[in-house]
Amino acid sequence: MTGHREPQPETRGDEVDAIVTAWNTVRPDLDATPLDVLSRISRIARRLDQARSSVFTEHQLEGWEFDVMSALRRAGEPFQLSPGALVQQTLVTSGTMTNRVDRLEKRGYVAREPSPSDRRGVLVRLTPDGLTVVDAAFDALLAHERRLLSGMDERSRADLADSLRALLAAVET
């Protein structure tokens, strides 16, 4: 049995449907159904990256700046983390994080402070200016992303989140 399937009648076909149909035509021996999900996820990720970049640009931020500052914001008062914790949360190398903290410090968005529990350690703290900028960018990001999801009802969004959570768990194992 092949993975050939037609788009649901209640939905309009998209570019992925055209790609899957083409593969089913030229390679009917293959099950191309993984493309139905994964190609759409890939396309959505690219569009989401573009949309997020646009929001961050409006707030004069780079995506990586938002990532670091939002990690500090999520830490809660006093909005500080060790560089190692920032590395874990943003999935970059320690050298990259050092460079990022340097650049954010020059912009006045973060400050380095000695760690009270480790004489050689340092903590990175979000400054009041950094807090203002990251909060404004996050508010705008959520408003934009709510608009992106507005065509789906609450149950559909919850079902999609559950399905994506399961897929992410499978991909990350």
C-alpha atoms as a PDB file:
ATOM      1  CA  MET A   1       0.000   0.000   0.000  1.00  0.00           C
ATOM      2  CA  THR A   2       1.349   3.411  -0.889  1.00  0.00           C
ATOM      3  CA  GLY A   3       0.981   6.526   1.169  1.00  0.00           C
ATOM      4  CA  HIS A   4      -1.059   8.288  -1.492  1.00  0.00           C
ATOM      5  CA  ARG A   5      -3.805  10.433  -0.069  1.00  0.00           C
ATOM      6  CA  GLU A   6      -5.855  13.270  -1.401  1.00  0.00           C
ATOM      7  CA  PRO A   7      -6.252  16.593   0.456  1.00  0.00           C
ATOM      8  CA  GLN A   8      -9.306  16.629   2.716  1.00  0.00           C
ATOM      9  CA  PRO A   9     -12.352  18.108   0.949  1.00  0.00           C
ATOM     10  CA  GLU A  10     -12.804  20.811   3.593  1.00  0.00           C
ATOM     11  CA  THR A  11      -9.254  22.103   3.071  1.00  0.00           C
ATOM     12  CA  ARG A  12      -7.651  23.795   0.129  1.00  0.00           C
ATOM     13  CA  GLY A  13      -4.602  22.093  -1.303  1.00  0.00           C
ATOM     14  CA  ASP A  14      -1.236  23.715  -0.705  1.00  0.00           C
ATOM     15  CA  GLU A  15       2.276  23.436  -2.111  1.00  0.00           C
ATOM     16  CA  VAL A  16       3.000  20.400   0.053  1.00  0.00           C
ATOM     17  CA  ASP A  17      -0.003  18.591  -1.422  1.00  0.00           C
ATOM     18  CA  ALA A  18       1.422  19.312  -4.886  1.00  0.00           C
ATOM     19  CA  ILE A  19       4.826  17.948  -3.847  1.00  0.00           C
ATOM     20  CA  VAL A  20       3.356  14.785  -2.317  1.00  0.00           C
ATOM     21  CA  THR A  21       1.149  14.241  -5.370  1.00  0.00           C
ATOM     22  CA  ALA A  22       4.157  14.637  -7.664  1.00  0.00           C
ATOM     23  CA  TRP A  23       6.179  12.111  -5.649  1.00  0.00           C
ATOM     24  CA  ASN A  24       3.242   9.697  -5.620  1.00  0.00           C
ATOM     25  CA  THR A  25       3.050  10.026  -9.407  1.00  0.00           C
ATOM     26  CA  VAL A  26       6.734   9.463 -10.142  1.00  0.00           C
ATOM     27  CA  ARG A  27       7.419   7.039  -7.266  1.00  0.00           C
ATOM     28  CA  PRO A  28       4.168   5.224  -6.455  1.00  0.00           C
ATOM     29  CA  ASP A  29       6.246   2.525  -4.782  1.00  0.00           C
ATOM     30  CA  LEU A  30       7.139   4.908  -1.917  1.00  0.00           C
ATOM     31  CA  ASP A  31       5.080   6.109   1.013  1.00  0.00           C
ATOM     32  CA  ALA A  32       5.470   9.896   0.834  1.00  0.00           C
ATOM     33  CA  THR A  33       3.058  10.625   3.698  1.00  0.00           C
ATOM     34  CA  PRO A  34       5.818  11.812   6.093  1.00  0.00           C
ATOM     35  CA  LEU A  35       6.063  14.848   3.813  1.00  0.00           C
ATOM     36  CA  ASP A  36       2.450  15.747   4.673  1.00  0.00           C
ATOM     37  CA  VAL A  37       3.582  16.577   8.207  1.00  0.00           C
ATOM     38  CA  LEU A  38       7.301  17.259   8.112  1.00  0.00           C
ATOM     39  CA  SER A  39       7.392  19.429   4.992  1.00  0.00           C
ATOM     40  CA  ARG A  40       4.628  21.564   6.465  1.00  0.00           C
ATOM     41  CA  ILE A  41       6.511  21.864   9.744  1.00  0.00           C
ATOM     42  CA  SER A  42       9.623  22.905   7.832  1.00  0.00           C
ATOM     43  CA  ARG A  43       7.709  25.526   5.855  1.00  0.00           C
ATOM     44  CA  ILE A  44       5.944  26.807   8.965  1.00  0.00           C
ATOM     45  CA  ALA A  45       9.291  27.058  10.772  1.00  0.00           C
ATOM     46  CA  ARG A  46      10.747  29.178   7.967  1.00  0.00           C
ATOM     47  CA  ARG A  47       7.700  31.468   7.908  1.00  0.00           C
ATOM     48  CA  LEU A  48       7.693  31.717  11.694  1.00  0.00           C
ATOM     49  CA  ASP A  49      11.399  32.608  11.700  1.00  0.00           C
ATOM     50  CA  GLN A  50      10.678  35.361   9.170  1.00  0.00           C
ATOM     51  CA  ALA A  51       7.746  36.690  11.212  1.00  0.00           C
ATOM     52  CA  ARG A  52       9.703  36.611  14.458  1.00  0.00           C
ATOM     53  CA  SER A  53      12.643  38.331  12.819  1.00  0.00           C
ATOM     54  CA  SER A  54      10.302  41.079  11.651  1.00  0.00           C
ATOM     55  CA  VAL A  55       8.944  41.575  15.186  1.00  0.00           C
ATOM     56  CA  PHE A  56      12.442  41.640  16.664  1.00  0.00           C
ATOM     57  CA  THR A  57      13.611  44.125  14.023  1.00  0.00           C
ATOM     58  CA  GLU A  58      10.755  46.435  15.028  1.00  0.00           C
ATOM     59  CA  HIS A  59      12.247  46.352  18.537  1.00  0.00           C
ATOM     60  CA  GLN A  60      15.800  46.758  17.247  1.00  0.00           C
ATOM     61  CA  LEU A  61      16.792  43.281  18.365  1.00  0.00           C
ATOM     62  CA  GLU A  62      18.397  40.294  16.752  1.00  0.00           C
ATOM     63  CA  GLY A  63      16.785  36.909  17.393  1.00  0.00           C
ATOM     64  CA  TRP A  64      19.746  35.762  19.464  1.00  0.00           C
ATOM     65  CA  GLU A  65      19.502  38.896  21.628  1.00  0.00           C
ATOM     66  CA  PHE A  66      15.877  38.102  22.345  1.00  0.00           C
ATOM     67  CA  ASP A  67      16.789  34.469  23.149  1.00  0.00           C
ATOM     68  CA  VAL A  68      19.376  35.456  25.755  1.00  0.00           C
ATOM     69  CA  MET A  69      17.308  38.248  27.261  1.00  0.00           C
ATOM     70  CA  SER A  70      14.147  36.147  27.401  1.00  0.00           C
ATOM     71  CA  ALA A  71      16.046  33.348  29.180  1.00  0.00           C
ATOM     72  CA  LEU A  72      17.059  35.893  31.808  1.00  0.00           C
ATOM     73  CA  ARG A  73      13.486  37.252  31.989  1.00  0.00           C
ATOM     74  CA  ARG A  74      12.009  33.765  32.450  1.00  0.00           C
ATOM     75  CA  ALA A  75      14.392  33.181  35.370  1.00  0.00           C
ATOM     76  CA  GLY A  76      12.292  35.649  37.375  1.00  0.00           C
ATOM     77  CA  GLU A  77      13.541  38.230  39.849  1.00  0.00           C
ATOM     78  CA  PRO A  78      16.383  39.208  39.930  1.00  0.00           C
ATOM     79  CA  PHE A  79      16.530  38.151  36.230  1.00  0.00           C
ATOM     80  CA  GLN A  80      19.971  36.589  36.330  1.00  0.00           C
ATOM     81  CA  LEU A  81      21.624  33.325  35.364  1.00  0.00           C
ATOM     82  CA  SER A  82      25.107  31.940  35.130  1.00  0.00           C
ATOM     83  CA  PRO A  83      26.677  31.866  31.673  1.00  0.00           C
ATOM     84  CA  GLY A  84      26.487  28.063  31.850  1.00  0.00           C
ATOM     85  CA  ALA A  85      22.728  28.160  32.441  1.00  0.00           C
ATOM     86  CA  LEU A  86      22.381  30.547  29.494  1.00  0.00           C
ATOM     87  CA  VAL A  87      24.374  28.139  27.316  1.00  0.00           C
ATOM     88  CA  GLN A  88      22.020  25.290  28.276  1.00  0.00           C
ATOM     89  CA  GLN A  89      18.895  27.314  27.609  1.00  0.00           C
ATOM     90  CA  THR A  90      19.984  28.783  24.269  1.00  0.00           C
ATOM     91  CA  LEU A  91      21.891  25.768  22.921  1.00  0.00           C
ATOM     92  CA  VAL A  92      25.051  27.643  21.911  1.00  0.00           C
ATOM     93  CA  THR A  93      28.689  27.131  22.864  1.00  0.00           C
ATOM     94  CA  SER A  94      30.247  28.893  25.829  1.00  0.00           C
ATOM     95  CA  GLY A  95      32.433  30.947  23.468  1.00  0.00           C
ATOM     96  CA  THR A  96      29.381  32.079  21.545  1.00  0.00           C
ATOM     97  CA  MET A  97      27.606  32.967  24.775  1.00  0.00           C
ATOM     98  CA  THR A  98      30.570  35.025  25.969  1.00  0.00           C
ATOM     99  CA  ASN A  99      30.438  37.000  22.725  1.00  0.00           C
ATOM    100  CA  ARG A 100      26.677  37.456  23.018  1.00  0.00           C
ATOM    101  CA  VAL A 101      26.857  38.655  26.605  1.00  0.00           C
ATOM    102  CA  ASP A 102      29.640  41.082  25.633  1.00  0.00           C
ATOM    103  CA  ARG A 103      27.471  42.544  22.883  1.00  0.00           C
ATOM    104  CA  LEU A 104      24.376  42.783  25.077  1.00  0.00           C
ATOM    105  CA  GLU A 105      26.435  44.401  27.810  1.00  0.00           C
ATOM    106  CA  LYS A 106      27.651  47.056  25.350  1.00  0.00           C
ATOM    107  CA  ARG A 107      24.014  47.800  24.488  1.00  0.00           C
ATOM    108  CA  GLY A 108      23.212  48.203  28.186  1.00  0.00           C
ATOM    109  CA  TYR A 109      20.769  45.293  28.248  1.00  0.00           C
ATOM    110  CA  VAL A 110      22.715  43.010  30.593  1.00  0.00           C
ATOM    111  CA  ALA A 111      25.380  43.386  33.251  1.00  0.00           C
ATOM    112  CA  ARG A 112      27.889  40.913  34.649  1.00  0.00           C
ATOM    113  CA  GLU A 113      28.071  40.604  38.410  1.00  0.00           C
ATOM    114  CA  PRO A 114      30.208  38.454  40.686  1.00  0.00           C
ATOM    115  CA  SER A 115      28.484  35.301  41.857  1.00  0.00           C
ATOM    116  CA  PRO A 116      27.789  35.455  45.595  1.00  0.00           C
ATOM    117  CA  SER A 117      28.250  31.681  45.871  1.00  0.00           C
ATOM    118  CA  ASP A 118      31.413  31.279  43.753  1.00  0.00           C
ATOM    119  CA  ARG A 119      34.349  33.686  43.978  1.00  0.00           C
ATOM    120  CA  ARG A 120      35.421  32.910  40.416  1.00  0.00           C
ATOM    121  CA  GLY A 121      31.903  32.766  39.004  1.00  0.00           C
ATOM    122  CA  VAL A 122      29.862  35.452  37.366  1.00  0.00           C
ATOM    123  CA  LEU A 123      26.149  35.989  36.866  1.00  0.00           C
ATOM    124  CA  VAL A 124      24.545  37.730  33.917  1.00  0.00           C
ATOM    125  CA  ARG A 125      21.709  40.040  34.971  1.00  0.00           C
ATOM    126  CA  LEU A 126      19.085  41.738  32.832  1.00  0.00           C
ATOM    127  CA  THR A 127      19.256  45.516  33.321  1.00  0.00           C
ATOM    128  CA  PRO A 128      16.134  47.695  33.635  1.00  0.00           C
ATOM    129  CA  ASP A 129      16.603  48.771  29.988  1.00  0.00           C
ATOM    130  CA  GLY A 130      16.940  45.129  28.970  1.00  0.00           C
ATOM    131  CA  LEU A 131      13.791  44.243  30.895  1.00  0.00           C
ATOM    132  CA  THR A 132      11.831  46.998  29.148  1.00  0.00           C
ATOM    133  CA  VAL A 133      13.049  45.940  25.700  1.00  0.00           C
ATOM    134  CA  VAL A 134      12.490  42.207  26.132  1.00  0.00           C
ATOM    135  CA  ASP A 135       9.013  42.721  27.619  1.00  0.00           C
ATOM    136  CA  ALA A 136       7.963  44.988  24.741  1.00  0.00           C
ATOM    137  CA  ALA A 137       9.334  42.560  22.152  1.00  0.00           C
ATOM    138  CA  PHE A 138       7.651  39.602  23.841  1.00  0.00           C
ATOM    139  CA  ASP A 139       4.298  41.400  24.002  1.00  0.00           C
ATOM    140  CA  ALA A 140       4.542  42.179  20.281  1.00  0.00           C
ATOM    141  CA  LEU A 141       5.647  38.622  19.473  1.00  0.00           C
ATOM    142  CA  LEU A 142       2.706  37.085  21.315  1.00  0.00           C
ATOM    143  CA  ALA A 143       0.242  39.462  19.641  1.00  0.00           C
ATOM    144  CA  HIS A 144       1.651  38.539  16.237  1.00  0.00           C
ATOM    145  CA  GLU A 145       1.619  34.808  16.979  1.00  0.00           C
ATOM    146  CA  ARG A 146      -1.966  35.004  18.270  1.00  0.00           C
ATOM    147  CA  ARG A 147      -2.898  36.480  14.872  1.00  0.00           C
ATOM    148  CA  LEU A 148      -1.114  33.621  13.124  1.00  0.00           C
ATOM    149  CA  LEU A 149      -3.160  31.094  15.108  1.00  0.00           C
ATOM    150  CA  SER A 150      -6.447  32.973  14.890  1.00  0.00           C
ATOM    151  CA  GLY A 151      -7.794  30.692  12.156  1.00  0.00           C
ATOM    152  CA  MET A 152      -7.782  27.738  14.537  1.00  0.00           C
ATOM    153  CA  ASP A 153     -10.190  27.220  17.398  1.00  0.00           C
ATOM    154  CA  GLU A 154      -8.920  26.513  20.914  1.00  0.00           C
ATOM    155  CA  ARG A 155      -9.481  22.727  20.682  1.00  0.00           C
ATOM    156  CA  SER A 156      -7.610  22.525  17.360  1.00  0.00           C
ATOM    157  CA  ARG A 157      -4.672  24.469  18.817  1.00  0.00           C
ATOM    158  CA  ALA A 158      -4.594  22.183  21.868  1.00  0.00           C
ATOM    159  CA  ASP A 159      -4.737  19.065  19.679  1.00  0.00           C
ATOM    160  CA  LEU A 160      -1.965  20.421  17.460  1.00  0.00           C
ATOM    161  CA  ALA A 161       0.189  21.257  20.491  1.00  0.00           C
ATOM    162  CA  ASP A 162      -0.298  17.713  21.806  1.00  0.00           C
ATOM    163  CA  SER A 163       0.609  16.184  18.457  1.00  0.00           C
ATOM    164  CA  LEU A 164       3.676  18.394  18.067  1.00  0.00           C
ATOM    165  CA  ARG A 165       4.774  17.587  21.637  1.00  0.00           C
ATOM    166  CA  ALA A 166       4.652  13.873  20.788  1.00  0.00           C
ATOM    167  CA  LEU A 167       6.539  14.428  17.523  1.00  0.00           C
ATOM    168  CA  LEU A 168       9.183  16.529  19.262  1.00  0.00           C
ATOM    169  CA  ALA A 169       9.682  13.819  21.888  1.00  0.00           C
ATOM    170  CA  ALA A 170      10.162  11.239  19.122  1.00  0.00           C
ATOM    171  CA  VAL A 171      12.615  13.468  17.232  1.00  0.00           C
ATOM    172  CA  GLU A 172      14.640  14.320  20.346  1.00  0.00           C
ATOM    173  CA  THR A 173      15.162  10.701  21.450  1.00  0.00           C
END
